[in-house]
Amino acid sequence: MTPNGTPERKHQAGAFDIRNIIGGLIGVYGVILTLMGLFGDPETEKTGGPNANLWAGLIMLAVGLAFIAWARIRPVVVPEHVDSDDAAS
């Protein structure tokens, strides 16, 4: 609680949380690779059978979603006030 009796509001990092940025970038690359795996030439003779673009894209989508979920489930709380003693050291 604050001195005037109102509940203290916690500030979160939100869009500036590095996990959101990493998750978004990995997710975008995952979408691109998944689309290339679905609609592009699979080139299975180079990989020995599996469609590498499709599988790598799906895994990247899952990792990107995991990063974004992690940031939503456990957000970074930013301190509202910083003491001058803490800032100097």
PDB file of N, CA and C in Angstrom:
ATOM      1  N   MET A   1       0.832  -1.182   0.000  1.00  0.00           N
ATOM      2  CA  MET A   1       0.000   0.000   0.000  1.00  0.00           C
ATOM      3  C   MET A   1       0.880   1.250   0.000  1.00  0.00           C
ATOM      4  N   THR A   2       0.401   2.255  -0.634  1.00  0.00           N
ATOM      5  CA  THR A   2       1.104   3.524  -0.660  1.00  0.00           C
ATOM      6  C   THR A   2       0.764   4.305   0.613  1.00  0.00           C
ATOM      7  N   PRO A   3       1.514   5.360   0.915  1.00  0.00           N
ATOM      8  CA  PRO A   3       1.247   6.138   2.128  1.00  0.00           C
ATOM      9  C   PRO A   3      -0.154   6.730   2.191  1.00  0.00           C
ATOM     10  N   ASN A   4      -0.766   7.038   1.034  1.00  0.00           N
ATOM     11  CA  ASN A   4      -2.107   7.629   1.066  1.00  0.00           C
ATOM     12  C   ASN A   4      -3.217   6.579   1.120  1.00  0.00           C
ATOM     13  N   GLY A   5      -2.871   5.276   1.236  1.00  0.00           N
ATOM     14  CA  GLY A   5      -3.862   4.238   1.440  1.00  0.00           C
ATOM     15  C   GLY A   5      -4.333   3.525   0.186  1.00  0.00           C
ATOM     16  N   THR A   6      -3.887   3.940  -0.996  1.00  0.00           N
ATOM     17  CA  THR A   6      -4.293   3.250  -2.214  1.00  0.00           C
ATOM     18  C   THR A   6      -3.364   2.060  -2.448  1.00  0.00           C
ATOM     19  N   PRO A   7      -3.872   0.997  -3.057  1.00  0.00           N
ATOM     20  CA  PRO A   7      -3.009  -0.157  -3.308  1.00  0.00           C
ATOM     21  C   PRO A   7      -1.910   0.185  -4.318  1.00  0.00           C
ATOM     22  N   GLU A   8      -0.735  -0.408  -4.084  1.00  0.00           N
ATOM     23  CA  GLU A   8       0.403  -0.141  -4.959  1.00  0.00           C
ATOM     24  C   GLU A   8       0.222  -0.901  -6.266  1.00  0.00           C
ATOM     25  N   ARG A   9       0.404  -0.203  -7.365  1.00  0.00           N
ATOM     26  CA  ARG A   9       0.256  -0.807  -8.685  1.00  0.00           C
ATOM     27  C   ARG A   9       1.627  -1.250  -9.168  1.00  0.00           C
ATOM     28  N   LYS A  10       1.735  -2.511  -9.557  1.00  0.00           N
ATOM     29  CA  LYS A  10       3.009  -3.042 -10.031  1.00  0.00           C
ATOM     30  C   LYS A  10       3.133  -2.798 -11.526  1.00  0.00           C
ATOM     31  N   HIS A  11       4.273  -2.283 -11.938  1.00  0.00           N
ATOM     32  CA  HIS A  11       4.543  -2.045 -13.348  1.00  0.00           C
ATOM     33  C   HIS A  11       5.278  -3.247 -13.908  1.00  0.00           C
ATOM     34  N   GLN A  12       4.862  -3.672 -15.105  1.00  0.00           N
ATOM     35  CA  GLN A  12       5.499  -4.809 -15.750  1.00  0.00           C
ATOM     36  C   GLN A  12       6.248  -4.333 -16.973  1.00  0.00           C
ATOM     37  N   ALA A  13       7.249  -5.128 -17.388  1.00  0.00           N
ATOM     38  CA  ALA A  13       8.065  -4.763 -18.540  1.00  0.00           C
ATOM     39  C   ALA A  13       7.242  -4.764 -19.830  1.00  0.00           C
ATOM     40  N   GLY A  14       6.262  -5.635 -19.942  1.00  0.00           N
ATOM     41  CA  GLY A  14       5.356  -5.667 -21.089  1.00  0.00           C
ATOM     42  C   GLY A  14       6.059  -5.964 -22.392  1.00  0.00           C
ATOM     43  N   ALA A  15       5.837  -5.121 -23.397  1.00  0.00           N
ATOM     44  CA  ALA A  15       6.389  -5.350 -24.730  1.00  0.00           C
ATOM     45  C   ALA A  15       7.907  -5.243 -24.756  1.00  0.00           C
ATOM     46  N   PHE A  16       8.489  -4.576 -23.766  1.00  0.00           N
ATOM     47  CA  PHE A  16       9.938  -4.409 -23.750  1.00  0.00           C
ATOM     48  C   PHE A  16      10.653  -5.573 -23.065  1.00  0.00           C
ATOM     49  N   ASP A  17       9.909  -6.564 -22.613  1.00  0.00           N
ATOM     50  CA  ASP A  17      10.506  -7.761 -22.040  1.00  0.00           C
ATOM     51  C   ASP A  17      11.220  -8.512 -23.167  1.00  0.00           C
ATOM     52  N   ILE A  18      12.472  -8.858 -22.955  1.00  0.00           N
ATOM     53  CA  ILE A  18      13.279  -9.485 -24.002  1.00  0.00           C
ATOM     54  C   ILE A  18      12.685 -10.819 -24.435  1.00  0.00           C
ATOM     55  N   ARG A  19      11.950 -11.479 -23.546  1.00  0.00           N
ATOM     56  CA  ARG A  19      11.338 -12.756 -23.909  1.00  0.00           C
ATOM     57  C   ARG A  19      10.260 -12.570 -24.972  1.00  0.00           C
ATOM     58  N   ASN A  20       9.549 -11.457 -24.935  1.00  0.00           N
ATOM     59  CA  ASN A  20       8.554 -11.178 -25.976  1.00  0.00           C
ATOM     60  C   ASN A  20       9.224 -10.924 -27.318  1.00  0.00           C
ATOM     61  N   ILE A  21      10.321 -10.200 -27.302  1.00  0.00           N
ATOM     62  CA  ILE A  21      11.035  -9.895 -28.541  1.00  0.00           C
ATOM     63  C   ILE A  21      11.615 -11.164 -29.149  1.00  0.00           C
ATOM     64  N   ILE A  22      12.275 -11.986 -28.326  1.00  0.00           N
ATOM     65  CA  ILE A  22      12.851 -13.235 -28.821  1.00  0.00           C
ATOM     66  C   ILE A  22      11.746 -14.170 -29.311  1.00  0.00           C
ATOM     67  N   GLY A  23      10.676 -14.303 -28.539  1.00  0.00           N
ATOM     68  CA  GLY A  23       9.567 -15.165 -28.941  1.00  0.00           C
ATOM     69  C   GLY A  23       8.921 -14.705 -30.238  1.00  0.00           C
ATOM     70  N   GLY A  24       8.784 -13.396 -30.407  1.00  0.00           N
ATOM     71  CA  GLY A  24       8.208 -12.868 -31.640  1.00  0.00           C
ATOM     72  C   GLY A  24       9.080 -13.130 -32.853  1.00  0.00           C
ATOM     73  N   LEU A  25      10.392 -12.924 -32.703  1.00  0.00           N
ATOM     74  CA  LEU A  25      11.306 -13.166 -33.824  1.00  0.00           C
ATOM     75  C   LEU A  25      11.360 -14.643 -34.193  1.00  0.00           C
ATOM     76  N   ILE A  26      11.481 -15.503 -33.191  1.00  0.00           N
ATOM     77  CA  ILE A  26      11.508 -16.936 -33.479  1.00  0.00           C
ATOM     78  C   ILE A  26      10.178 -17.367 -34.091  1.00  0.00           C
ATOM     79  N   GLY A  27       9.073 -16.804 -33.621  1.00  0.00           N
ATOM     80  CA  GLY A  27       7.766 -17.127 -34.180  1.00  0.00           C
ATOM     81  C   GLY A  27       7.625 -16.704 -35.630  1.00  0.00           C
ATOM     82  N   VAL A  28       8.131 -15.525 -35.970  1.00  0.00           N
ATOM     83  CA  VAL A  28       8.061 -15.057 -37.367  1.00  0.00           C
ATOM     84  C   VAL A  28       8.872 -15.978 -38.270  1.00  0.00           C
ATOM     85  N   TYR A  29      10.085 -16.323 -37.848  1.00  0.00           N
ATOM     86  CA  TYR A  29      10.894 -17.248 -38.642  1.00  0.00           C
ATOM     87  C   TYR A  29      10.230 -18.618 -38.717  1.00  0.00           C
ATOM     88  N   GLY A  30       9.565 -19.036 -37.657  1.00  0.00           N
ATOM     89  CA  GLY A  30       8.848 -20.305 -37.670  1.00  0.00           C
ATOM     90  C   GLY A  30       7.706 -20.305 -38.671  1.00  0.00           C
ATOM     91  N   VAL A  31       6.971 -19.205 -38.747  1.00  0.00           N
ATOM     92  CA  VAL A  31       5.886 -19.095 -39.728  1.00  0.00           C
ATOM     93  C   VAL A  31       6.448 -19.171 -41.145  1.00  0.00           C
ATOM     94  N   ILE A  32       7.527 -18.451 -41.394  1.00  0.00           N
ATOM     95  CA  ILE A  32       8.137 -18.453 -42.733  1.00  0.00           C
ATOM     96  C   ILE A  32       8.595 -19.857 -43.112  1.00  0.00           C
ATOM     97  N   LEU A  33       9.306 -20.533 -42.196  1.00  0.00           N
ATOM     98  CA  LEU A  33       9.775 -21.888 -42.503  1.00  0.00           C
ATOM     99  C   LEU A  33       8.628 -22.871 -42.658  1.00  0.00           C
ATOM    100  N   THR A  34       7.590 -22.731 -41.859  1.00  0.00           N
ATOM    101  CA  THR A  34       6.433 -23.628 -41.986  1.00  0.00           C
ATOM    102  C   THR A  34       5.758 -23.438 -43.335  1.00  0.00           C
ATOM    103  N   LEU A  35       5.582 -22.202 -43.751  1.00  0.00           N
ATOM    104  CA  LEU A  35       4.978 -21.948 -45.064  1.00  0.00           C
ATOM    105  C   LEU A  35       5.859 -22.471 -46.192  1.00  0.00           C
ATOM    106  N   MET A  36       7.172 -22.305 -46.061  1.00  0.00           N
ATOM    107  CA  MET A  36       8.088 -22.845 -47.073  1.00  0.00           C
ATOM    108  C   MET A  36       8.043 -24.374 -47.091  1.00  0.00           C
ATOM    109  N   GLY A  37       7.886 -24.983 -45.931  1.00  0.00           N
ATOM    110  CA  GLY A  37       7.780 -26.435 -45.868  1.00  0.00           C
ATOM    111  C   GLY A  37       6.495 -26.953 -46.484  1.00  0.00           C
ATOM    112  N   LEU A  38       5.419 -26.187 -46.341  1.00  0.00           N
ATOM    113  CA  LEU A  38       4.135 -26.614 -46.887  1.00  0.00           C
ATOM    114  C   LEU A  38       4.011 -26.343 -48.383  1.00  0.00           C
ATOM    115  N   PHE A  39       4.475 -25.181 -48.824  1.00  0.00           N
ATOM    116  CA  PHE A  39       4.236 -24.763 -50.203  1.00  0.00           C
ATOM    117  C   PHE A  39       5.479 -24.765 -51.084  1.00  0.00           C
ATOM    118  N   GLY A  40       6.661 -24.853 -50.504  1.00  0.00           N
ATOM    119  CA  GLY A  40       7.895 -24.839 -51.283  1.00  0.00           C
ATOM    120  C   GLY A  40       8.313 -26.248 -51.672  1.00  0.00           C
ATOM    121  N   ASP A  41       9.434 -26.331 -52.362  1.00  0.00           N
ATOM    122  CA  ASP A  41      10.000 -27.615 -52.737  1.00  0.00           C
ATOM    123  C   ASP A  41      10.541 -28.293 -51.483  1.00  0.00           C
ATOM    124  N   PRO A  42      10.071 -29.503 -51.139  1.00  0.00           N
ATOM    125  CA  PRO A  42      10.505 -30.129 -49.885  1.00  0.00           C
ATOM    126  C   PRO A  42      11.972 -30.543 -49.874  1.00  0.00           C
ATOM    127  N   GLU A  43      12.576 -30.788 -51.029  1.00  0.00           N
ATOM    128  CA  GLU A  43      13.992 -31.184 -51.149  1.00  0.00           C
ATOM    129  C   GLU A  43      14.333 -32.314 -50.182  1.00  0.00           C
ATOM    130  N   THR A  44      13.505 -33.356 -50.186  1.00  0.00           N
ATOM    131  CA  THR A  44      13.708 -34.477 -49.263  1.00  0.00           C
ATOM    132  C   THR A  44      14.945 -35.284 -49.584  1.00  0.00           C
ATOM    133  N   GLU A  45      15.439 -35.238 -50.830  1.00  0.00           N
ATOM    134  CA  GLU A  45      16.653 -35.987 -51.163  1.00  0.00           C
ATOM    135  C   GLU A  45      17.879 -35.394 -50.471  1.00  0.00           C
ATOM    136  N   LYS A  46      17.859 -34.105 -50.159  1.00  0.00           N
ATOM    137  CA  LYS A  46      18.983 -33.476 -49.453  1.00  0.00           C
ATOM    138  C   LYS A  46      18.989 -33.813 -47.968  1.00  0.00           C
ATOM    139  N   THR A  47      17.808 -34.050 -47.396  1.00  0.00           N
ATOM    140  CA  THR A  47      17.720 -34.298 -45.956  1.00  0.00           C
ATOM    141  C   THR A  47      17.568 -35.770 -45.608  1.00  0.00           C
ATOM    142  N   GLY A  48      17.452 -36.622 -46.578  1.00  0.00           N
ATOM    143  CA  GLY A  48      17.319 -38.041 -46.309  1.00  0.00           C
ATOM    144  C   GLY A  48      15.907 -38.464 -45.972  1.00  0.00           C
ATOM    145  N   GLY A  49      14.922 -37.693 -46.328  1.00  0.00           N
ATOM    146  CA  GLY A  49      13.534 -38.095 -46.125  1.00  0.00           C
ATOM    147  C   GLY A  49      12.624 -37.029 -45.544  1.00  0.00           C
ATOM    148  N   PRO A  50      12.898 -36.511 -44.347  1.00  0.00           N
ATOM    149  CA  PRO A  50      11.934 -35.560 -43.759  1.00  0.00           C
ATOM    150  C   PRO A  50      12.009 -34.179 -44.418  1.00  0.00           C
ATOM    151  N   ASN A  51      10.909 -33.460 -44.317  1.00  0.00           N
ATOM    152  CA  ASN A  51      10.835 -32.089 -44.817  1.00  0.00           C
ATOM    153  C   ASN A  51      11.413 -31.171 -43.733  1.00  0.00           C
ATOM    154  N   ALA A  52      12.678 -30.800 -43.878  1.00  0.00           N
ATOM    155  CA  ALA A  52      13.404 -30.057 -42.836  1.00  0.00           C
ATOM    156  C   ALA A  52      12.781 -28.691 -42.564  1.00  0.00           C
ATOM    157  N   ASN A  53      12.332 -27.993 -43.602  1.00  0.00           N
ATOM    158  CA  ASN A  53      11.737 -26.668 -43.398  1.00  0.00           C
ATOM    159  C   ASN A  53      10.459 -26.764 -42.574  1.00  0.00           C
ATOM    160  N   LEU A  54       9.642 -27.749 -42.869  1.00  0.00           N
ATOM    161  CA  LEU A  54       8.383 -27.903 -42.144  1.00  0.00           C
ATOM    162  C   LEU A  54       8.638 -28.212 -40.675  1.00  0.00           C
ATOM    163  N   TRP A  55       9.489 -29.176 -40.397  1.00  0.00           N
ATOM    164  CA  TRP A  55       9.744 -29.559 -39.010  1.00  0.00           C
ATOM    165  C   TRP A  55      10.462 -28.467 -38.232  1.00  0.00           C
ATOM    166  N   ALA A  56      11.436 -27.822 -38.850  1.00  0.00           N
ATOM    167  CA  ALA A  56      12.134 -26.724 -38.166  1.00  0.00           C
ATOM    168  C   ALA A  56      11.169 -25.566 -37.903  1.00  0.00           C
ATOM    169  N   GLY A  57      10.280 -25.267 -38.842  1.00  0.00           N
ATOM    170  CA  GLY A  57       9.301 -24.204 -38.661  1.00  0.00           C
ATOM    171  C   GLY A  57       8.327 -24.506 -37.538  1.00  0.00           C
ATOM    172  N   LEU A  58       7.851 -25.747 -37.462  1.00  0.00           N
ATOM    173  CA  LEU A  58       6.927 -26.120 -36.387  1.00  0.00           C
ATOM    174  C   LEU A  58       7.608 -26.058 -35.017  1.00  0.00           C
ATOM    175  N   ILE A  59       8.849 -26.495 -34.953  1.00  0.00           N
ATOM    176  CA  ILE A  59       9.589 -26.423 -33.685  1.00  0.00           C
ATOM    177  C   ILE A  59       9.831 -24.972 -33.289  1.00  0.00           C
ATOM    178  N   MET A  60      10.174 -24.124 -34.258  1.00  0.00           N
ATOM    179  CA  MET A  60      10.394 -22.709 -33.951  1.00  0.00           C
ATOM    180  C   MET A  60       9.105 -22.028 -33.506  1.00  0.00           C
ATOM    181  N   LEU A  61       7.979 -22.412 -34.091  1.00  0.00           N
ATOM    182  CA  LEU A  61       6.697 -21.877 -33.636  1.00  0.00           C
ATOM    183  C   LEU A  61       6.431 -22.266 -32.187  1.00  0.00           C
ATOM    184  N   ALA A  62       6.707 -23.513 -31.848  1.00  0.00           N
ATOM    185  CA  ALA A  62       6.488 -23.977 -30.477  1.00  0.00           C
ATOM    186  C   ALA A  62       7.403 -23.246 -29.498  1.00  0.00           C
ATOM    187  N   VAL A  63       8.667 -23.049 -29.865  1.00  0.00           N
ATOM    188  CA  VAL A  63       9.613 -22.345 -28.988  1.00  0.00           C
ATOM    189  C   VAL A  63       9.210 -20.881 -28.835  1.00  0.00           C
ATOM    190  N   GLY A  64       8.799 -20.240 -29.933  1.00  0.00           N
ATOM    191  CA  GLY A  64       8.349 -18.852 -29.862  1.00  0.00           C
ATOM    192  C   GLY A  64       7.137 -18.689 -28.972  1.00  0.00           C
ATOM    193  N   LEU A  65       6.181 -19.610 -29.084  1.00  0.00           N
ATOM    194  CA  LEU A  65       5.002 -19.561 -28.216  1.00  0.00           C
ATOM    195  C   LEU A  65       5.380 -19.819 -26.759  1.00  0.00           C
ATOM    196  N   ALA A  66       6.359 -20.697 -26.536  1.00  0.00           N
ATOM    197  CA  ALA A  66       6.806 -20.963 -25.162  1.00  0.00           C
ATOM    198  C   ALA A  66       7.430 -19.714 -24.540  1.00  0.00           C
ATOM    199  N   PHE A  67       8.220 -18.968 -25.311  1.00  0.00           N
ATOM    200  CA  PHE A  67       8.820 -17.735 -24.797  1.00  0.00           C
ATOM    201  C   PHE A  67       7.747 -16.711 -24.451  1.00  0.00           C
ATOM    202  N   ILE A  68       6.764 -16.557 -25.320  1.00  0.00           N
ATOM    203  CA  ILE A  68       5.703 -15.577 -25.071  1.00  0.00           C
ATOM    204  C   ILE A  68       4.848 -16.004 -23.878  1.00  0.00           C
ATOM    205  N   ALA A  69       4.558 -17.304 -23.760  1.00  0.00           N
ATOM    206  CA  ALA A  69       3.797 -17.796 -22.608  1.00  0.00           C
ATOM    207  C   ALA A  69       4.579 -17.589 -21.320  1.00  0.00           C
ATOM    208  N   TRP A  70       5.882 -17.827 -21.364  1.00  0.00           N
ATOM    209  CA  TRP A  70       6.743 -17.619 -20.197  1.00  0.00           C
ATOM    210  C   TRP A  70       6.682 -16.159 -19.746  1.00  0.00           C
ATOM    211  N   ALA A  71       6.728 -15.241 -20.701  1.00  0.00           N
ATOM    212  CA  ALA A  71       6.670 -13.814 -20.357  1.00  0.00           C
ATOM    213  C   ALA A  71       5.310 -13.432 -19.781  1.00  0.00           C
ATOM    214  N   ARG A  72       4.240 -14.081 -20.235  1.00  0.00           N
ATOM    215  CA  ARG A  72       2.902 -13.771 -19.715  1.00  0.00           C
ATOM    216  C   ARG A  72       2.680 -14.394 -18.334  1.00  0.00           C
ATOM    217  N   ILE A  73       3.181 -15.622 -18.136  1.00  0.00           N
ATOM    218  CA  ILE A  73       2.961 -16.319 -16.877  1.00  0.00           C
ATOM    219  C   ILE A  73       3.797 -15.719 -15.755  1.00  0.00           C
ATOM    220  N   ARG A  74       5.059 -15.395 -16.028  1.00  0.00           N
ATOM    221  CA  ARG A  74       5.957 -14.838 -15.022  1.00  0.00           C
ATOM    222  C   ARG A  74       6.510 -13.493 -15.497  1.00  0.00           C
ATOM    223  N   PRO A  75       5.703 -12.426 -15.436  1.00  0.00           N
ATOM    224  CA  PRO A  75       6.151 -11.119 -15.925  1.00  0.00           C
ATOM    225  C   PRO A  75       7.241 -10.518 -15.036  1.00  0.00           C
ATOM    226  N   VAL A  76       8.077  -9.690 -15.651  1.00  0.00           N
ATOM    227  CA  VAL A  76       9.119  -8.965 -14.928  1.00  0.00           C
ATOM    228  C   VAL A  76       8.475  -7.736 -14.308  1.00  0.00           C
ATOM    229  N   VAL A  77       8.601  -7.591 -12.992  1.00  0.00           N
ATOM    230  CA  VAL A  77       8.038  -6.444 -12.296  1.00  0.00           C
ATOM    231  C   VAL A  77       9.119  -5.377 -12.186  1.00  0.00           C
ATOM    232  N   VAL A  78       8.811  -4.196 -12.692  1.00  0.00           N
ATOM    233  CA  VAL A  78       9.744  -3.079 -12.692  1.00  0.00           C
ATOM    234  C   VAL A  78       9.505  -2.243 -11.449  1.00  0.00           C
ATOM    235  N   PRO A  79      10.558  -1.943 -10.669  1.00  0.00           N
ATOM    236  CA  PRO A  79      10.344  -1.116  -9.476  1.00  0.00           C
ATOM    237  C   PRO A  79       9.894   0.290  -9.871  1.00  0.00           C
ATOM    238  N   GLU A  80       8.948   0.816  -9.098  1.00  0.00           N
ATOM    239  CA  GLU A  80       8.397   2.130  -9.423  1.00  0.00           C
ATOM    240  C   GLU A  80       9.352   3.254  -9.032  1.00  0.00           C
ATOM    241  N   HIS A  81       9.977   3.122  -7.876  1.00  0.00           N
ATOM    242  CA  HIS A  81      10.888   4.159  -7.394  1.00  0.00           C
ATOM    243  C   HIS A  81      12.255   3.535  -7.149  1.00  0.00           C
ATOM    244  N   VAL A  82      13.287   4.281  -7.501  1.00  0.00           N
ATOM    245  CA  VAL A  82      14.656   3.833  -7.261  1.00  0.00           C
ATOM    246  C   VAL A  82      15.293   4.816  -6.299  1.00  0.00           C
ATOM    247  N   ASP A  83      15.856   4.280  -5.203  1.00  0.00           N
ATOM    248  CA  ASP A  83      16.538   5.143  -4.243  1.00  0.00           C
ATOM    249  C   ASP A  83      17.815   5.698  -4.852  1.00  0.00           C
ATOM    250  N   SER A  84      18.201   6.900  -4.458  1.00  0.00           N
ATOM    251  CA  SER A  84      19.403   7.512  -5.017  1.00  0.00           C
ATOM    252  C   SER A  84      20.648   6.747  -4.606  1.00  0.00           C
ATOM    253  N   ASP A  85      20.643   6.081  -3.432  1.00  0.00           N
ATOM    254  CA  ASP A  85      21.794   5.290  -3.013  1.00  0.00           C
ATOM    255  C   ASP A  85      21.986   4.079  -3.914  1.00  0.00           C
ATOM    256  N   ASP A  86      20.893   3.450  -4.338  1.00  0.00           N
ATOM    257  CA  ASP A  86      20.969   2.296  -5.200  1.00  0.00           C
ATOM    258  C   ASP A  86      21.418   2.681  -6.611  1.00  0.00           C
ATOM    259  N   ALA A  87      20.997   3.854  -7.083  1.00  0.00           N
ATOM    260  CA  ALA A  87      21.337   4.276  -8.426  1.00  0.00           C
ATOM    261  C   ALA A  87      22.802   4.658  -8.531  1.00  0.00           C
ATOM    262  N   ALA A  88      23.402   5.144  -7.478  1.00  0.00           N
ATOM    263  CA  ALA A  88      24.795   5.594  -7.513  1.00  0.00           C
ATOM    264  C   ALA A  88      25.770   4.429  -7.517  1.00  0.00           C
ATOM    265  N   SER A  89      25.387   3.296  -6.924  1.00  0.00           N
ATOM    266  CA  SER A  89      26.326   2.181  -6.849  1.00  0.00           C
ATOM    267  C   SER A  89      26.155   1.185  -7.952  1.00  0.00           C
TER     268      SER A  89
END
